[in-house]
PDB file of N, CA and C in Angstrom:
ATOM      1  N   MET A   1       1.099  -1.178   0.117  1.00  0.00           N
ATOM      2  CA  MET A   1       0.388   0.058   0.341  1.00  0.00           C
ATOM      3  C   MET A   1       0.928   1.524  -0.073  1.00  0.00           C
ATOM      4  N   GLY A   2      -0.079   2.672  -0.845  1.00  0.00           N
ATOM      5  CA  GLY A   2       1.108   3.446  -1.234  1.00  0.00           C
ATOM      6  C   GLY A   2       0.842   4.410   0.223  1.00  0.00           C
ATOM      7  N   VAL A   3       2.410   4.889   0.860  1.00  0.00           N
ATOM      8  CA  VAL A   3       2.049   5.198   2.502  1.00  0.00           C
ATOM      9  C   VAL A   3       3.124   6.421   2.213  1.00  0.00           C
ATOM     10  N   PRO A   4       2.674   7.593   2.304  1.00  0.00           N
ATOM     11  CA  PRO A   4       3.868   8.455   2.589  1.00  0.00           C
ATOM     12  C   PRO A   4       5.020   8.063   4.135  1.00  0.00           C
ATOM     13  N   LYS A   5       5.685   8.431   3.304  1.00  0.00           N
ATOM     14  CA  LYS A   5       7.306   8.016   4.205  1.00  0.00           C
ATOM     15  C   LYS A   5       7.182   9.181   5.398  1.00  0.00           C
ATOM     16  N   ARG A   6       7.170  10.691   4.804  1.00  0.00           N
ATOM     17  CA  ARG A   6       7.693  11.077   5.604  1.00  0.00           C
ATOM     18  C   ARG A   6       6.596  12.262   5.211  1.00  0.00           C
ATOM     19  N   ARG A   7       6.226  13.437   6.048  1.00  0.00           N
ATOM     20  CA  ARG A   7       5.415  14.312   6.392  1.00  0.00           C
ATOM     21  C   ARG A   7       5.969  15.048   5.178  1.00  0.00           C
ATOM     22  N   THR A   8       4.806  16.044   4.248  1.00  0.00           N
ATOM     23  CA  THR A   8       5.269  16.663   3.303  1.00  0.00           C
ATOM     24  C   THR A   8       5.152  18.278   4.168  1.00  0.00           C
ATOM     25  N   SER A   9       6.557  19.030   3.302  1.00  0.00           N
ATOM     26  CA  SER A   9       6.302  20.056   3.956  1.00  0.00           C
ATOM     27  C   SER A   9       6.098  20.854   3.807  1.00  0.00           C
ATOM     28  N   LYS A  10       5.830  23.011   4.357  1.00  0.00           N
ATOM     29  CA  LYS A  10       5.229  23.359   3.942  1.00  0.00           C
ATOM     30  C   LYS A  10       4.654  23.977   2.530  1.00  0.00           C
ATOM     31  N   MET A  11       6.438  23.764   2.404  1.00  0.00           N
ATOM     32  CA  MET A  11       7.159  25.300   0.834  1.00  0.00           C
ATOM     33  C   MET A  11       6.229  24.070   0.078  1.00  0.00           C
ATOM     34  N   ARG A  12       6.635  23.188   0.503  1.00  0.00           N
ATOM     35  CA  ARG A  12       6.505  21.987  -0.951  1.00  0.00           C
ATOM     36  C   ARG A  12       4.985  21.574  -1.270  1.00  0.00           C
ATOM     37  N   LEU A  13       4.113  22.210   0.197  1.00  0.00           N
ATOM     38  CA  LEU A  13       1.862  22.034   0.235  1.00  0.00           C
ATOM     39  C   LEU A  13       2.264  23.280  -1.072  1.00  0.00           C
ATOM     40  N   ARG A  14       2.311  24.254  -0.184  1.00  0.00           N
ATOM     41  CA  ARG A  14       2.278  25.278  -0.958  1.00  0.00           C
ATOM     42  C   ARG A  14       2.817  25.610  -2.372  1.00  0.00           C
ATOM     43  N   THR A  15       3.798  24.939  -2.944  1.00  0.00           N
ATOM     44  CA  THR A  15       4.254  25.171  -4.586  1.00  0.00           C
ATOM     45  C   THR A  15       3.500  24.654  -4.728  1.00  0.00           C
ATOM     46  N   ARG A  16       3.250  23.051  -4.899  1.00  0.00           N
ATOM     47  CA  ARG A  16       1.999  22.566  -5.690  1.00  0.00           C
ATOM     48  C   ARG A  16       0.655  23.486  -5.115  1.00  0.00           C
ATOM     49  N   LYS A  17       0.343  24.041  -4.418  1.00  0.00           N
ATOM     50  CA  LYS A  17      -1.075  24.780  -4.844  1.00  0.00           C
ATOM     51  C   LYS A  17      -1.072  25.977  -5.089  1.00  0.00           C
ATOM     52  N   ALA A  18      -0.183  26.963  -5.518  1.00  0.00           N
ATOM     53  CA  ALA A  18       0.316  27.893  -6.620  1.00  0.00           C
ATOM     54  C   ALA A  18       0.007  27.625  -7.433  1.00  0.00           C
ATOM     55  N   ALA A  19       0.087  26.228  -8.433  1.00  0.00           N
ATOM     56  CA  ALA A  19      -0.141  25.777  -9.344  1.00  0.00           C
ATOM     57  C   ALA A  19      -1.717  26.626  -9.965  1.00  0.00           C
ATOM     58  N   ASN A  20      -2.385  25.911  -9.161  1.00  0.00           N
ATOM     59  CA  ASN A  20      -3.565  26.426  -9.462  1.00  0.00           C
ATOM     60  C   ASN A  20      -4.678  27.257  -8.997  1.00  0.00           C
ATOM     61  N   ARG A  21      -4.016  28.369  -8.900  1.00  0.00           N
ATOM     62  CA  ARG A  21      -3.944  29.446  -8.436  1.00  0.00           C
ATOM     63  C   ARG A  21      -4.914  30.649  -9.530  1.00  0.00           C
ATOM     64  N   TRP A  22      -5.641  31.333  -9.650  1.00  0.00           N
ATOM     65  CA  TRP A  22      -6.724  32.297 -10.435  1.00  0.00           C
ATOM     66  C   TRP A  22      -6.258  32.802 -11.251  1.00  0.00           C
ATOM     67  N   HIS A  23      -5.270  32.629 -12.363  1.00  0.00           N
ATOM     68  CA  HIS A  23      -5.090  34.195 -13.404  1.00  0.00           C
ATOM     69  C   HIS A  23      -5.728  34.574 -14.410  1.00  0.00           C
ATOM     70  N   ALA A  24      -5.817  36.377 -14.121  1.00  0.00           N
ATOM     71  CA  ALA A  24      -6.278  36.856 -15.328  1.00  0.00           C
ATOM     72  C   ALA A  24      -6.705  36.938 -16.660  1.00  0.00           C
ATOM     73  N   PRO A  25      -7.292  36.633 -16.902  1.00  0.00           N
ATOM     74  CA  PRO A  25      -7.672  36.334 -17.852  1.00  0.00           C
ATOM     75  C   PRO A  25      -7.103  37.860 -18.924  1.00  0.00           C
ATOM     76  N   GLN A  26      -5.679  36.526 -20.443  1.00  0.00           N
ATOM     77  CA  GLN A  26      -5.281  37.489 -20.910  1.00  0.00           C
ATOM     78  C   GLN A  26      -6.110  38.419 -22.055  1.00  0.00           C
ATOM     79  N   LEU A  27      -5.782  39.990 -22.095  1.00  0.00           N
ATOM     80  CA  LEU A  27      -6.842  40.866 -23.057  1.00  0.00           C
ATOM     81  C   LEU A  27      -5.742  41.577 -23.900  1.00  0.00           C
ATOM     82  N   SER A  28      -5.994  41.041 -25.502  1.00  0.00           N
ATOM     83  CA  SER A  28      -5.668  42.614 -26.103  1.00  0.00           C
ATOM     84  C   SER A  28      -6.415  43.335 -26.743  1.00  0.00           C
ATOM     85  N   LYS A  29      -5.682  44.006 -27.675  1.00  0.00           N
ATOM     86  CA  LYS A  29      -6.338  45.156 -28.329  1.00  0.00           C
ATOM     87  C   LYS A  29      -6.483  44.834 -29.804  1.00  0.00           C
ATOM     88  N   CYS A  30      -7.977  44.839 -30.560  1.00  0.00           N
ATOM     89  CA  CYS A  30      -8.056  44.319 -31.759  1.00  0.00           C
ATOM     90  C   CYS A  30      -7.678  45.290 -32.673  1.00  0.00           C
ATOM     91  N   PRO A  31      -7.310  44.508 -33.890  1.00  0.00           N
ATOM     92  CA  PRO A  31      -6.087  45.870 -34.566  1.00  0.00           C
ATOM     93  C   PRO A  31      -7.375  46.351 -35.291  1.00  0.00           C
ATOM     94  N   GLN A  32      -7.992  46.304 -35.789  1.00  0.00           N
ATOM     95  CA  GLN A  32      -9.283  46.223 -36.164  1.00  0.00           C
ATOM     96  C   GLN A  32      -9.813  47.830 -35.739  1.00  0.00           C
ATOM     97  N   CYS A  33     -10.227  47.328 -35.099  1.00  0.00           N
ATOM     98  CA  CYS A  33     -11.044  48.649 -33.645  1.00  0.00           C
ATOM     99  C   CYS A  33     -10.825  49.359 -32.825  1.00  0.00           C
ATOM    100  N   GLY A  34      -9.581  48.382 -32.350  1.00  0.00           N
ATOM    101  CA  GLY A  34      -9.191  49.059 -30.802  1.00  0.00           C
ATOM    102  C   GLY A  34      -9.632  48.625 -30.072  1.00  0.00           C
ATOM    103  N   SER A  35     -10.984  47.457 -30.076  1.00  0.00           N
ATOM    104  CA  SER A  35     -11.776  46.734 -28.157  1.00  0.00           C
ATOM    105  C   SER A  35     -11.076  46.660 -27.937  1.00  0.00           C
ATOM    106  N   THR A  36     -11.291  46.147 -26.894  1.00  0.00           N
ATOM    107  CA  THR A  36     -10.641  45.242 -25.909  1.00  0.00           C
ATOM    108  C   THR A  36     -10.592  43.569 -26.168  1.00  0.00           C
ATOM    109  N   VAL A  37     -10.004  42.726 -26.679  1.00  0.00           N
ATOM    110  CA  VAL A  37     -11.062  41.416 -26.740  1.00  0.00           C
ATOM    111  C   VAL A  37      -9.691  40.676 -25.750  1.00  0.00           C
ATOM    112  N   ALA A  38     -10.156  39.171 -25.558  1.00  0.00           N
ATOM    113  CA  ALA A  38      -9.860  38.203 -24.571  1.00  0.00           C
ATOM    114  C   ALA A  38      -8.614  37.859 -26.478  1.00  0.00           C
ATOM    115  N   SER A  39      -7.763  36.985 -26.201  1.00  0.00           N
ATOM    116  CA  SER A  39      -6.820  36.402 -26.618  1.00  0.00           C
ATOM    117  C   SER A  39      -7.560  34.966 -28.139  1.00  0.00           C
ATOM    118  N   HIS A  40      -7.696  34.790 -28.748  1.00  0.00           N
ATOM    119  CA  HIS A  40      -7.514  33.957 -29.790  1.00  0.00           C
ATOM    120  C   HIS A  40      -8.613  33.378 -29.704  1.00  0.00           C
ATOM    121  N   THR A  41      -9.610  35.124 -30.021  1.00  0.00           N
ATOM    122  CA  THR A  41     -11.194  35.522 -29.899  1.00  0.00           C
ATOM    123  C   THR A  41     -11.845  36.239 -31.120  1.00  0.00           C
ATOM    124  N   VAL A  42     -12.908  36.217 -31.778  1.00  0.00           N
ATOM    125  CA  VAL A  42     -12.988  36.991 -32.502  1.00  0.00           C
ATOM    126  C   VAL A  42     -14.215  38.048 -31.557  1.00  0.00           C
ATOM    127  N   CYS A  43     -13.615  38.992 -32.181  1.00  0.00           N
ATOM    128  CA  CYS A  43     -13.421  40.507 -31.643  1.00  0.00           C
ATOM    129  C   CYS A  43     -15.512  41.293 -32.036  1.00  0.00           C
ATOM    130  N   PRO A  44     -16.251  41.099 -30.876  1.00  0.00           N
ATOM    131  CA  PRO A  44     -17.561  41.198 -30.717  1.00  0.00           C
ATOM    132  C   PRO A  44     -17.979  42.123 -30.768  1.00  0.00           C
ATOM    133  N   SER A  45     -17.355  43.506 -31.243  1.00  0.00           N
ATOM    134  CA  SER A  45     -17.297  44.592 -31.349  1.00  0.00           C
ATOM    135  C   SER A  45     -17.103  44.641 -33.068  1.00  0.00           C
ATOM    136  N   CYS A  46     -16.615  43.876 -33.603  1.00  0.00           N
ATOM    137  CA  CYS A  46     -16.121  43.829 -35.761  1.00  0.00           C
ATOM    138  C   CYS A  46     -16.346  43.154 -36.591  1.00  0.00           C
ATOM    139  N   GLY A  47     -15.916  41.526 -35.414  1.00  0.00           N
ATOM    140  CA  GLY A  47     -15.891  40.883 -35.901  1.00  0.00           C
ATOM    141  C   GLY A  47     -15.159  40.324 -36.337  1.00  0.00           C
ATOM    142  N   TYR A  48     -13.699  40.759 -36.426  1.00  0.00           N
ATOM    143  CA  TYR A  48     -12.776  40.782 -37.350  1.00  0.00           C
ATOM    144  C   TYR A  48     -11.786  39.568 -36.118  1.00  0.00           C
ATOM    145  N   TYR A  49     -11.246  38.987 -37.061  1.00  0.00           N
ATOM    146  CA  TYR A  49     -10.387  37.711 -36.563  1.00  0.00           C
ATOM    147  C   TYR A  49      -9.661  37.799 -37.169  1.00  0.00           C
ATOM    148  N   LYS A  50      -8.377  37.618 -36.586  1.00  0.00           N
ATOM    149  CA  LYS A  50      -6.343  37.757 -37.691  1.00  0.00           C
ATOM    150  C   LYS A  50      -6.846  38.215 -39.087  1.00  0.00           C
ATOM    151  N   GLY A  51      -7.214  39.755 -38.288  1.00  0.00           N
ATOM    152  CA  GLY A  51      -7.256  39.973 -40.189  1.00  0.00           C
ATOM    153  C   GLY A  51      -8.356  39.765 -41.030  1.00  0.00           C
ATOM    154  N   ARG A  52      -9.310  38.525 -40.462  1.00  0.00           N
ATOM    155  CA  ARG A  52     -10.691  39.087 -42.015  1.00  0.00           C
ATOM    156  C   ARG A  52     -11.527  39.055 -41.100  1.00  0.00           C
ATOM    157  N   GLN A  53     -12.141  39.125 -41.551  1.00  0.00           N
ATOM    158  CA  GLN A  53     -13.927  39.613 -41.366  1.00  0.00           C
ATOM    159  C   GLN A  53     -14.256  38.000 -40.923  1.00  0.00           C
ATOM    160  N   VAL A  54     -15.040  37.530 -39.564  1.00  0.00           N
ATOM    161  CA  VAL A  54     -15.289  35.576 -39.698  1.00  0.00           C
ATOM    162  C   VAL A  54     -17.055  36.478 -39.696  1.00  0.00           C
ATOM    163  N   LEU A  55     -17.646  37.245 -38.199  1.00  0.00           N
ATOM    164  CA  LEU A  55     -18.193  37.508 -37.865  1.00  0.00           C
ATOM    165  C   LEU A  55     -19.073  38.532 -38.718  1.00  0.00           C
ATOM    166  N   THR A  56     -20.324  39.144 -38.973  1.00  0.00           N
ATOM    167  CA  THR A  56     -21.187  39.536 -39.395  1.00  0.00           C
ATOM    168  C   THR A  56     -22.295  40.329 -38.285  1.00  0.00           C
ATOM    169  N   VAL A  57     -21.950  41.646 -37.165  1.00  0.00           N
ATOM    170  CA  VAL A  57     -21.770  42.088 -36.661  1.00  0.00           C
ATOM    171  C   VAL A  57     -22.922  43.262 -36.892  1.00  0.00           C
ATOM    172  N   GLY A  58     -23.768  43.004 -37.044  1.00  0.00           N
ATOM    173  CA  GLY A  58     -25.454  44.485 -36.809  1.00  0.00           C
ATOM    174  C   GLY A  58     -25.595  45.976 -36.230  1.00  0.00           C
ATOM    175  N   THR A  59     -25.905  46.303 -36.991  1.00  0.00           N
ATOM    176  CA  THR A  59     -24.811  47.491 -35.965  1.00  0.00           C
ATOM    177  C   THR A  59     -26.801  48.220 -35.101  1.00  0.00           C
ATOM    178  N   LYS A  60     -26.858  48.308 -34.023  1.00  0.00           N
ATOM    179  CA  LYS A  60     -28.049  48.750 -33.189  1.00  0.00           C
ATOM    180  C   LYS A  60     -29.143  50.644 -33.467  1.00  0.00           C
TER     181      LYS A  60
END
């Protein structure tokens, strides 16, 4: 049966838990309209992704 031979130190435990901490989403600017967009996502305001139009966005 797998039983730990030694007690896990505080630093080792905290280092392991630190890998699961929350990170803020990476936001970048859209080169077409300049609005803030999450990376690798179509811009919701203009519909462009990687320099070409992917969505047709209707004006209200």
